[in-house]
């Protein structure tokens, strides 16, 4: 797995966010200090792109810490 450093608007502008949302995912940036909680407890996963058979994680250089793009399956409430 490799890292691609992008800007905050890259997922939207590249169409990657729309593709994930079309597959039923929510997309958000997460501070790296919160990644363990988001991935292990809150049910998020890394939003990876495939580039030539290699999984690529999107990250943003930010101050005071970097951010990573995550995705989570949208849950639709079932009728009562």
PDB file of N, CA and C in Angstrom:
ATOM      1  N   UNK A   1       0.860  -1.170   0.000  1.00  0.00           N
ATOM      2  CA  UNK A   1       0.000   0.000   0.000  1.00  0.00           C
ATOM      3  C   UNK A   1       0.903   1.230   0.000  1.00  0.00           C
ATOM      4  N   UNK A   2       0.553   2.198  -0.828  1.00  0.00           N
ATOM      5  CA  UNK A   2       1.331   3.427  -0.875  1.00  0.00           C
ATOM      6  C   UNK A   2       0.440   4.623  -0.563  1.00  0.00           C
ATOM      7  N   UNK A   3       1.070   5.777  -0.444  1.00  0.00           N
ATOM      8  CA  UNK A   3       0.374   7.007  -0.073  1.00  0.00           C
ATOM      9  C   UNK A   3       0.439   7.989  -1.229  1.00  0.00           C
ATOM     10  N   UNK A   4      -0.671   8.645  -1.497  1.00  0.00           N
ATOM     11  CA  UNK A   4      -0.706   9.749  -2.455  1.00  0.00           C
ATOM     12  C   UNK A   4      -1.073  11.002  -1.677  1.00  0.00           C
ATOM     13  N   UNK A   5      -0.198  12.003  -1.715  1.00  0.00           N
ATOM     14  CA  UNK A   5      -0.442  13.269  -1.028  1.00  0.00           C
ATOM     15  C   UNK A   5      -1.253  14.162  -1.958  1.00  0.00           C
ATOM     16  N   UNK A   6      -2.404  14.607  -1.466  1.00  0.00           N
ATOM     17  CA  UNK A   6      -3.332  15.396  -2.276  1.00  0.00           C
ATOM     18  C   UNK A   6      -3.800  16.610  -1.479  1.00  0.00           C
ATOM     19  N   UNK A   7      -4.649  17.442  -2.102  1.00  0.00           N
ATOM     20  CA  UNK A   7      -5.271  18.543  -1.365  1.00  0.00           C
ATOM     21  C   UNK A   7      -6.668  18.114  -0.920  1.00  0.00           C
ATOM     22  N   UNK A   8      -7.270  18.902  -0.049  1.00  0.00           N
ATOM     23  CA  UNK A   8      -8.578  18.542   0.528  1.00  0.00           C
ATOM     24  C   UNK A   8      -9.674  18.341  -0.513  1.00  0.00           C
ATOM     25  N   UNK A   9      -9.584  19.028  -1.650  1.00  0.00           N
ATOM     26  CA  UNK A   9     -10.629  18.930  -2.672  1.00  0.00           C
ATOM     27  C   UNK A   9     -10.398  17.814  -3.681  1.00  0.00           C
ATOM     28  N   UNK A  10      -9.257  17.143  -3.622  1.00  0.00           N
ATOM     29  CA  UNK A  10      -8.921  16.128  -4.607  1.00  0.00           C
ATOM     30  C   UNK A  10      -9.987  15.029  -4.741  1.00  0.00           C
ATOM     31  N   UNK A  11     -10.493  14.439  -3.644  1.00  0.00           N
ATOM     32  CA  UNK A  11     -11.500  13.376  -3.797  1.00  0.00           C
ATOM     33  C   UNK A  11     -12.735  13.850  -4.577  1.00  0.00           C
ATOM     34  N   UNK A  12     -13.171  15.059  -4.312  1.00  0.00           N
ATOM     35  CA  UNK A  12     -14.331  15.607  -5.024  1.00  0.00           C
ATOM     36  C   UNK A  12     -13.991  15.911  -6.479  1.00  0.00           C
ATOM     37  N   UNK A  13     -12.904  16.644  -6.673  1.00  0.00           N
ATOM     38  CA  UNK A  13     -12.544  17.089  -8.017  1.00  0.00           C
ATOM     39  C   UNK A  13     -12.161  15.943  -8.951  1.00  0.00           C
ATOM     40  N   UNK A  14     -11.610  14.865  -8.403  1.00  0.00           N
ATOM     41  CA  UNK A  14     -11.194  13.728  -9.231  1.00  0.00           C
ATOM     42  C   UNK A  14     -12.337  12.776  -9.549  1.00  0.00           C
ATOM     43  N   UNK A  15     -13.480  12.925  -8.857  1.00  0.00           N
ATOM     44  CA  UNK A  15     -14.607  12.020  -9.048  1.00  0.00           C
ATOM     45  C   UNK A  15     -14.562  10.806  -8.137  1.00  0.00           C
ATOM     46  N   UNK A  16     -13.490  10.660  -7.364  1.00  0.00           N
ATOM     47  CA  UNK A  16     -13.361   9.517  -6.457  1.00  0.00           C
ATOM     48  C   UNK A  16     -14.449   9.525  -5.386  1.00  0.00           C
ATOM     49  N   UNK A  17     -14.734  10.696  -4.833  1.00  0.00           N
ATOM     50  CA  UNK A  17     -15.772  10.806  -3.800  1.00  0.00           C
ATOM     51  C   UNK A  17     -17.131  10.431  -4.372  1.00  0.00           C
ATOM     52  N   UNK A  18     -17.457  10.924  -5.556  1.00  0.00           N
ATOM     53  CA  UNK A  18     -18.746  10.606  -6.183  1.00  0.00           C
ATOM     54  C   UNK A  18     -18.869   9.109  -6.453  1.00  0.00           C
ATOM     55  N   UNK A  19     -17.769   8.481  -6.867  1.00  0.00           N
ATOM     56  CA  UNK A  19     -17.793   7.039  -7.124  1.00  0.00           C
ATOM     57  C   UNK A  19     -18.070   6.266  -5.837  1.00  0.00           C
ATOM     58  N   UNK A  20     -17.404   6.649  -4.747  1.00  0.00           N
ATOM     59  CA  UNK A  20     -17.642   5.978  -3.470  1.00  0.00           C
ATOM     60  C   UNK A  20     -19.062   6.213  -2.969  1.00  0.00           C
ATOM     61  N   UNK A  21     -19.543   7.448  -3.085  1.00  0.00           N
ATOM     62  CA  UNK A  21     -20.914   7.741  -2.657  1.00  0.00           C
ATOM     63  C   UNK A  21     -21.917   6.970  -3.507  1.00  0.00           C
ATOM     64  N   UNK A  22     -21.622   6.789  -4.791  1.00  0.00           N
ATOM     65  CA  UNK A  22     -22.477   5.999  -5.664  1.00  0.00           C
ATOM     66  C   UNK A  22     -22.537   4.530  -5.263  1.00  0.00           C
ATOM     67  N   UNK A  23     -21.494   4.066  -4.575  1.00  0.00           N
ATOM     68  CA  UNK A  23     -21.455   2.690  -4.068  1.00  0.00           C
ATOM     69  C   UNK A  23     -22.046   2.589  -2.665  1.00  0.00           C
ATOM     70  N   UNK A  24     -22.572   3.714  -2.138  1.00  0.00           N
ATOM     71  CA  UNK A  24     -23.238   3.695  -0.838  1.00  0.00           C
ATOM     72  C   UNK A  24     -22.346   4.031   0.350  1.00  0.00           C
ATOM     73  N   UNK A  25     -21.215   4.688   0.103  1.00  0.00           N
ATOM     74  CA  UNK A  25     -20.309   5.058   1.185  1.00  0.00           C
ATOM     75  C   UNK A  25     -20.424   6.535   1.529  1.00  0.00           C
ATOM     76  N   UNK A  26     -20.148   6.847   2.797  1.00  0.00           N
ATOM     77  CA  UNK A  26     -19.878   8.211   3.229  1.00  0.00           C
ATOM     78  C   UNK A  26     -18.372   8.373   3.186  1.00  0.00           C
ATOM     79  N   UNK A  27     -17.906   9.579   2.926  1.00  0.00           N
ATOM     80  CA  UNK A  27     -16.470   9.848   2.827  1.00  0.00           C
ATOM     81  C   UNK A  27     -16.136  11.013   3.745  1.00  0.00           C
ATOM     82  N   UNK A  28     -14.991  10.908   4.449  1.00  0.00           N
ATOM     83  CA  UNK A  28     -14.567  12.007   5.309  1.00  0.00           C
ATOM     84  C   UNK A  28     -13.066  11.938   5.521  1.00  0.00           C
ATOM     85  N   UNK A  29     -12.504  13.083   5.843  1.00  0.00           N
ATOM     86  CA  UNK A  29     -11.102  13.156   6.247  1.00  0.00           C
ATOM     87  C   UNK A  29     -11.032  12.929   7.746  1.00  0.00           C
ATOM     88  N   UNK A  30      -9.969  12.286   8.199  1.00  0.00           N
ATOM     89  CA  UNK A  30      -9.764  12.071   9.623  1.00  0.00           C
ATOM     90  C   UNK A  30      -8.340  12.466  10.001  1.00  0.00           C
ATOM     91  N   UNK A  31      -8.214  13.153  11.133  1.00  0.00           N
ATOM     92  CA  UNK A  31      -6.887  13.416  11.673  1.00  0.00           C
ATOM     93  C   UNK A  31      -6.208  12.078  11.953  1.00  0.00           C
ATOM     94  N   UNK A  32      -4.930  11.976  11.654  1.00  0.00           N
ATOM     95  CA  UNK A  32      -4.221  10.719  11.867  1.00  0.00           C
ATOM     96  C   UNK A  32      -4.219  10.282  13.325  1.00  0.00           C
ATOM     97  N   UNK A  33      -4.274  11.214  14.248  1.00  0.00           N
ATOM     98  CA  UNK A  33      -4.302  10.855  15.672  1.00  0.00           C
ATOM     99  C   UNK A  33      -5.596  10.146  16.052  1.00  0.00           C
ATOM    100  N   UNK A  34      -6.612  10.219  15.214  1.00  0.00           N
ATOM    101  CA  UNK A  34      -7.897   9.569  15.503  1.00  0.00           C
ATOM    102  C   UNK A  34      -8.132   8.329  14.647  1.00  0.00           C
ATOM    103  N   UNK A  35      -7.141   7.950  13.815  1.00  0.00           N
ATOM    104  CA  UNK A  35      -7.329   6.823  12.908  1.00  0.00           C
ATOM    105  C   UNK A  35      -7.642   5.513  13.623  1.00  0.00           C
ATOM    106  N   UNK A  36      -6.909   5.183  14.672  1.00  0.00           N
ATOM    107  CA  UNK A  36      -7.140   3.913  15.369  1.00  0.00           C
ATOM    108  C   UNK A  36      -8.582   3.817  15.859  1.00  0.00           C
ATOM    109  N   UNK A  37      -9.089   4.866  16.474  1.00  0.00           N
ATOM    110  CA  UNK A  37     -10.473   4.869  16.960  1.00  0.00           C
ATOM    111  C   UNK A  37     -11.456   4.711  15.811  1.00  0.00           C
ATOM    112  N   UNK A  38     -11.255   5.488  14.742  1.00  0.00           N
ATOM    113  CA  UNK A  38     -12.179   5.446  13.608  1.00  0.00           C
ATOM    114  C   UNK A  38     -12.180   4.066  12.931  1.00  0.00           C
ATOM    115  N   UNK A  39     -10.995   3.477  12.756  1.00  0.00           N
ATOM    116  CA  UNK A  39     -10.889   2.198  12.070  1.00  0.00           C
ATOM    117  C   UNK A  39     -11.290   1.028  12.956  1.00  0.00           C
ATOM    118  N   UNK A  40     -10.865   1.013  14.199  1.00  0.00           N
ATOM    119  CA  UNK A  40     -11.078  -0.136  15.078  1.00  0.00           C
ATOM    120  C   UNK A  40     -12.417  -0.124  15.803  1.00  0.00           C
ATOM    121  N   UNK A  41     -12.947   1.064  16.098  1.00  0.00           N
ATOM    122  CA  UNK A  41     -14.142   1.150  16.938  1.00  0.00           C
ATOM    123  C   UNK A  41     -15.353   1.687  16.169  1.00  0.00           C
ATOM    124  N   UNK A  42     -15.149   2.725  15.366  1.00  0.00           N
ATOM    125  CA  UNK A  42     -16.274   3.410  14.733  1.00  0.00           C
ATOM    126  C   UNK A  42     -16.695   2.819  13.380  1.00  0.00           C
ATOM    127  N   UNK A  43     -15.964   1.843  12.877  1.00  0.00           N
ATOM    128  CA  UNK A  43     -16.385   1.151  11.658  1.00  0.00           C
ATOM    129  C   UNK A  43     -15.977   1.782  10.339  1.00  0.00           C
ATOM    130  N   UNK A  44     -15.089   2.766  10.350  1.00  0.00           N
ATOM    131  CA  UNK A  44     -14.590   3.365   9.122  1.00  0.00           C
ATOM    132  C   UNK A  44     -13.498   2.478   8.547  1.00  0.00           C
ATOM    133  N   UNK A  45     -13.227   2.636   7.248  1.00  0.00           N
ATOM    134  CA  UNK A  45     -12.103   1.950   6.612  1.00  0.00           C
ATOM    135  C   UNK A  45     -11.376   2.938   5.715  1.00  0.00           C
ATOM    136  N   UNK A  46     -10.160   2.596   5.353  1.00  0.00           N
ATOM    137  CA  UNK A  46      -9.387   3.453   4.471  1.00  0.00           C
ATOM    138  C   UNK A  46     -10.038   3.509   3.094  1.00  0.00           C
ATOM    139  N   UNK A  47     -10.146   4.692   2.552  1.00  0.00           N
ATOM    140  CA  UNK A  47     -10.671   4.856   1.195  1.00  0.00           C
ATOM    141  C   UNK A  47      -9.477   4.745   0.251  1.00  0.00           C
ATOM    142  N   UNK A  48      -9.301   3.569  -0.346  1.00  0.00           N
ATOM    143  CA  UNK A  48      -8.130   3.344  -1.190  1.00  0.00           C
ATOM    144  C   UNK A  48      -8.506   3.369  -2.663  1.00  0.00           C
ATOM    145  N   UNK A  49      -7.573   3.846  -3.454  1.00  0.00           N
ATOM    146  CA  UNK A  49      -7.693   3.810  -4.910  1.00  0.00           C
ATOM    147  C   UNK A  49      -6.765   2.725  -5.421  1.00  0.00           C
ATOM    148  N   UNK A  50      -7.135   2.114  -6.541  1.00  0.00           N
ATOM    149  CA  UNK A  50      -6.267   1.132  -7.180  1.00  0.00           C
ATOM    150  C   UNK A  50      -5.510   1.832  -8.299  1.00  0.00           C
ATOM    151  N   UNK A  51      -4.196   1.787  -8.229  1.00  0.00           N
ATOM    152  CA  UNK A  51      -3.353   2.366  -9.275  1.00  0.00           C
ATOM    153  C   UNK A  51      -2.365   1.308  -9.730  1.00  0.00           C
ATOM    154  N   UNK A  52      -2.669   0.694 -10.863  1.00  0.00           N
ATOM    155  CA  UNK A  52      -1.783  -0.331 -11.401  1.00  0.00           C
ATOM    156  C   UNK A  52      -1.637  -1.536 -10.500  1.00  0.00           C
ATOM    157  N   UNK A  53      -2.720  -1.945  -9.842  1.00  0.00           N
ATOM    158  CA  UNK A  53      -2.679  -3.093  -8.951  1.00  0.00           C
ATOM    159  C   UNK A  53      -2.159  -2.792  -7.563  1.00  0.00           C
ATOM    160  N   UNK A  54      -1.865  -1.541  -7.296  1.00  0.00           N
ATOM    161  CA  UNK A  54      -1.373  -1.122  -5.991  1.00  0.00           C
ATOM    162  C   UNK A  54      -2.440  -0.300  -5.284  1.00  0.00           C
ATOM    163  N   UNK A  55      -2.737  -0.609  -4.028  1.00  0.00           N
ATOM    164  CA  UNK A  55      -3.695   0.180  -3.250  1.00  0.00           C
ATOM    165  C   UNK A  55      -3.027   1.471  -2.791  1.00  0.00           C
ATOM    166  N   UNK A  56      -3.731   2.580  -2.998  1.00  0.00           N
ATOM    167  CA  UNK A  56      -3.192   3.899  -2.662  1.00  0.00           C
ATOM    168  C   UNK A  56      -4.119   4.579  -1.662  1.00  0.00           C
ATOM    169  N   UNK A  57      -3.560   5.033  -0.553  1.00  0.00           N
ATOM    170  CA  UNK A  57      -4.286   5.777   0.467  1.00  0.00           C
ATOM    171  C   UNK A  57      -4.092   7.264   0.189  1.00  0.00           C
ATOM    172  N   UNK A  58      -5.172   8.036   0.259  1.00  0.00           N
ATOM    173  CA  UNK A  58      -5.090   9.480   0.046  1.00  0.00           C
ATOM    174  C   UNK A  58      -4.874  10.185   1.379  1.00  0.00           C
ATOM    175  N   UNK A  59      -3.872  11.068   1.409  1.00  0.00           N
ATOM    176  CA  UNK A  59      -3.551  11.813   2.623  1.00  0.00           C
ATOM    177  C   UNK A  59      -3.365  13.279   2.274  1.00  0.00           C
ATOM    178  N   UNK A  60      -3.576  14.126   3.289  1.00  0.00           N
ATOM    179  CA  UNK A  60      -3.383  15.569   3.165  1.00  0.00           C
ATOM    180  C   UNK A  60      -2.351  16.001   4.194  1.00  0.00           C
ATOM    181  N   UNK A  61      -1.371  16.767   3.754  1.00  0.00           N
ATOM    182  CA  UNK A  61      -0.426  17.393   4.686  1.00  0.00           C
ATOM    183  C   UNK A  61      -1.165  18.569   5.300  1.00  0.00           C
ATOM    184  N   UNK A  62      -1.309  18.554   6.585  1.00  0.00           N
ATOM    185  CA  UNK A  62      -2.080  19.600   7.256  1.00  0.00           C
ATOM    186  C   UNK A  62      -1.387  19.952   8.559  1.00  0.00           C
ATOM    187  N   UNK A  63      -1.675  21.110   9.058  1.00  0.00           N
ATOM    188  CA  UNK A  63      -1.119  21.545  10.327  1.00  0.00           C
ATOM    189  C   UNK A  63      -2.219  21.529  11.367  1.00  0.00           C
ATOM    190  N   UNK A  64      -2.077  20.971  12.515  1.00  0.00           N
ATOM    191  CA  UNK A  64      -0.852  20.466  13.126  1.00  0.00           C
ATOM    192  C   UNK A  64      -0.550  19.005  12.792  1.00  0.00           C
ATOM    193  N   UNK A  65      -1.474  18.281  12.127  1.00  0.00           N
ATOM    194  CA  UNK A  65      -1.175  16.897  11.782  1.00  0.00           C
ATOM    195  C   UNK A  65      -1.854  16.518  10.471  1.00  0.00           C
ATOM    196  N   UNK A  66      -1.347  15.459   9.862  1.00  0.00           N
ATOM    197  CA  UNK A  66      -1.868  15.010   8.581  1.00  0.00           C
ATOM    198  C   UNK A  66      -3.248  14.377   8.743  1.00  0.00           C
ATOM    199  N   UNK A  67      -3.947  14.267   7.610  1.00  0.00           N
ATOM    200  CA  UNK A  67      -5.264  13.656   7.591  1.00  0.00           C
ATOM    201  C   UNK A  67      -5.298  12.549   6.540  1.00  0.00           C
ATOM    202  N   UNK A  68      -6.177  11.570   6.758  1.00  0.00           N
ATOM    203  CA  UNK A  68      -6.322  10.427   5.863  1.00  0.00           C
ATOM    204  C   UNK A  68      -7.786  10.312   5.458  1.00  0.00           C
ATOM    205  N   UNK A  69      -8.021   9.952   4.197  1.00  0.00           N
ATOM    206  CA  UNK A  69      -9.391   9.812   3.700  1.00  0.00           C
ATOM    207  C   UNK A  69      -9.959   8.452   4.104  1.00  0.00           C
ATOM    208  N   UNK A  70     -11.169   8.481   4.667  1.00  0.00           N
ATOM    209  CA  UNK A  70     -11.858   7.280   5.116  1.00  0.00           C
ATOM    210  C   UNK A  70     -13.211   7.139   4.427  1.00  0.00           C
ATOM    211  N   UNK A  71     -13.737   5.918   4.470  1.00  0.00           N
ATOM    212  CA  UNK A  71     -15.086   5.663   3.946  1.00  0.00           C
ATOM    213  C   UNK A  71     -15.825   4.768   4.932  1.00  0.00           C
ATOM    214  N   UNK A  72     -17.155   4.882   4.898  1.00  0.00           N
ATOM    215  CA  UNK A  72     -18.001   4.055   5.761  1.00  0.00           C
ATOM    216  C   UNK A  72     -19.309   3.815   5.041  1.00  0.00           C
ATOM    217  N   UNK A  73     -19.762   2.596   5.052  1.00  0.00           N
ATOM    218  CA  UNK A  73     -21.009   2.246   4.387  1.00  0.00           C
ATOM    219  C   UNK A  73     -22.158   2.991   5.048  1.00  0.00           C
ATOM    220  N   UNK A  74     -22.983   3.661   4.233  1.00  0.00           N
ATOM    221  CA  UNK A  74     -24.160   4.339   4.765  1.00  0.00           C
ATOM    222  C   UNK A  74     -25.182   3.295   5.186  1.00  0.00           C
ATOM    223  N   UNK A  75     -25.736   3.482   6.366  1.00  0.00           N
ATOM    224  CA  UNK A  75     -26.755   2.568   6.860  1.00  0.00           C
ATOM    225  C   UNK A  75     -28.102   3.247   6.667  1.00  0.00           C
ATOM    226  N   UNK A  76     -28.982   2.561   5.969  1.00  0.00           N
ATOM    227  CA  UNK A  76     -30.328   3.107   5.739  1.00  0.00           C
ATOM    228  C   UNK A  76     -31.251   2.502   6.796  1.00  0.00           C
ATOM    229  N   UNK A  77     -31.957   3.377   7.482  1.00  0.00           N
ATOM    230  CA  UNK A  77     -32.882   2.909   8.512  1.00  0.00           C
ATOM    231  C   UNK A  77     -33.977   2.049   7.897  1.00  0.00           C
ATOM    232  N   UNK A  78     -34.195   0.894   8.487  1.00  0.00           N
ATOM    233  CA  UNK A  78     -35.273   0.006   8.034  1.00  0.00           C
ATOM    234  C   UNK A  78     -36.596   0.527   8.596  1.00  0.00           C
ATOM    235  N   UNK A  79     -37.665   0.370   7.838  1.00  0.00           N
ATOM    236  CA  UNK A  79     -38.973   0.814   8.351  1.00  0.00           C
ATOM    237  C   UNK A  79     -39.364   0.016   9.594  1.00  0.00           C
ATOM    238  N   UNK A  80     -40.022   0.695  10.509  1.00  0.00           N
ATOM    239  CA  UNK A  80     -40.419   0.047  11.764  1.00  0.00           C
ATOM    240  C   UNK A  80     -41.586  -0.876  11.568  1.00  0.00           C
TER     241      UNK A  80
END
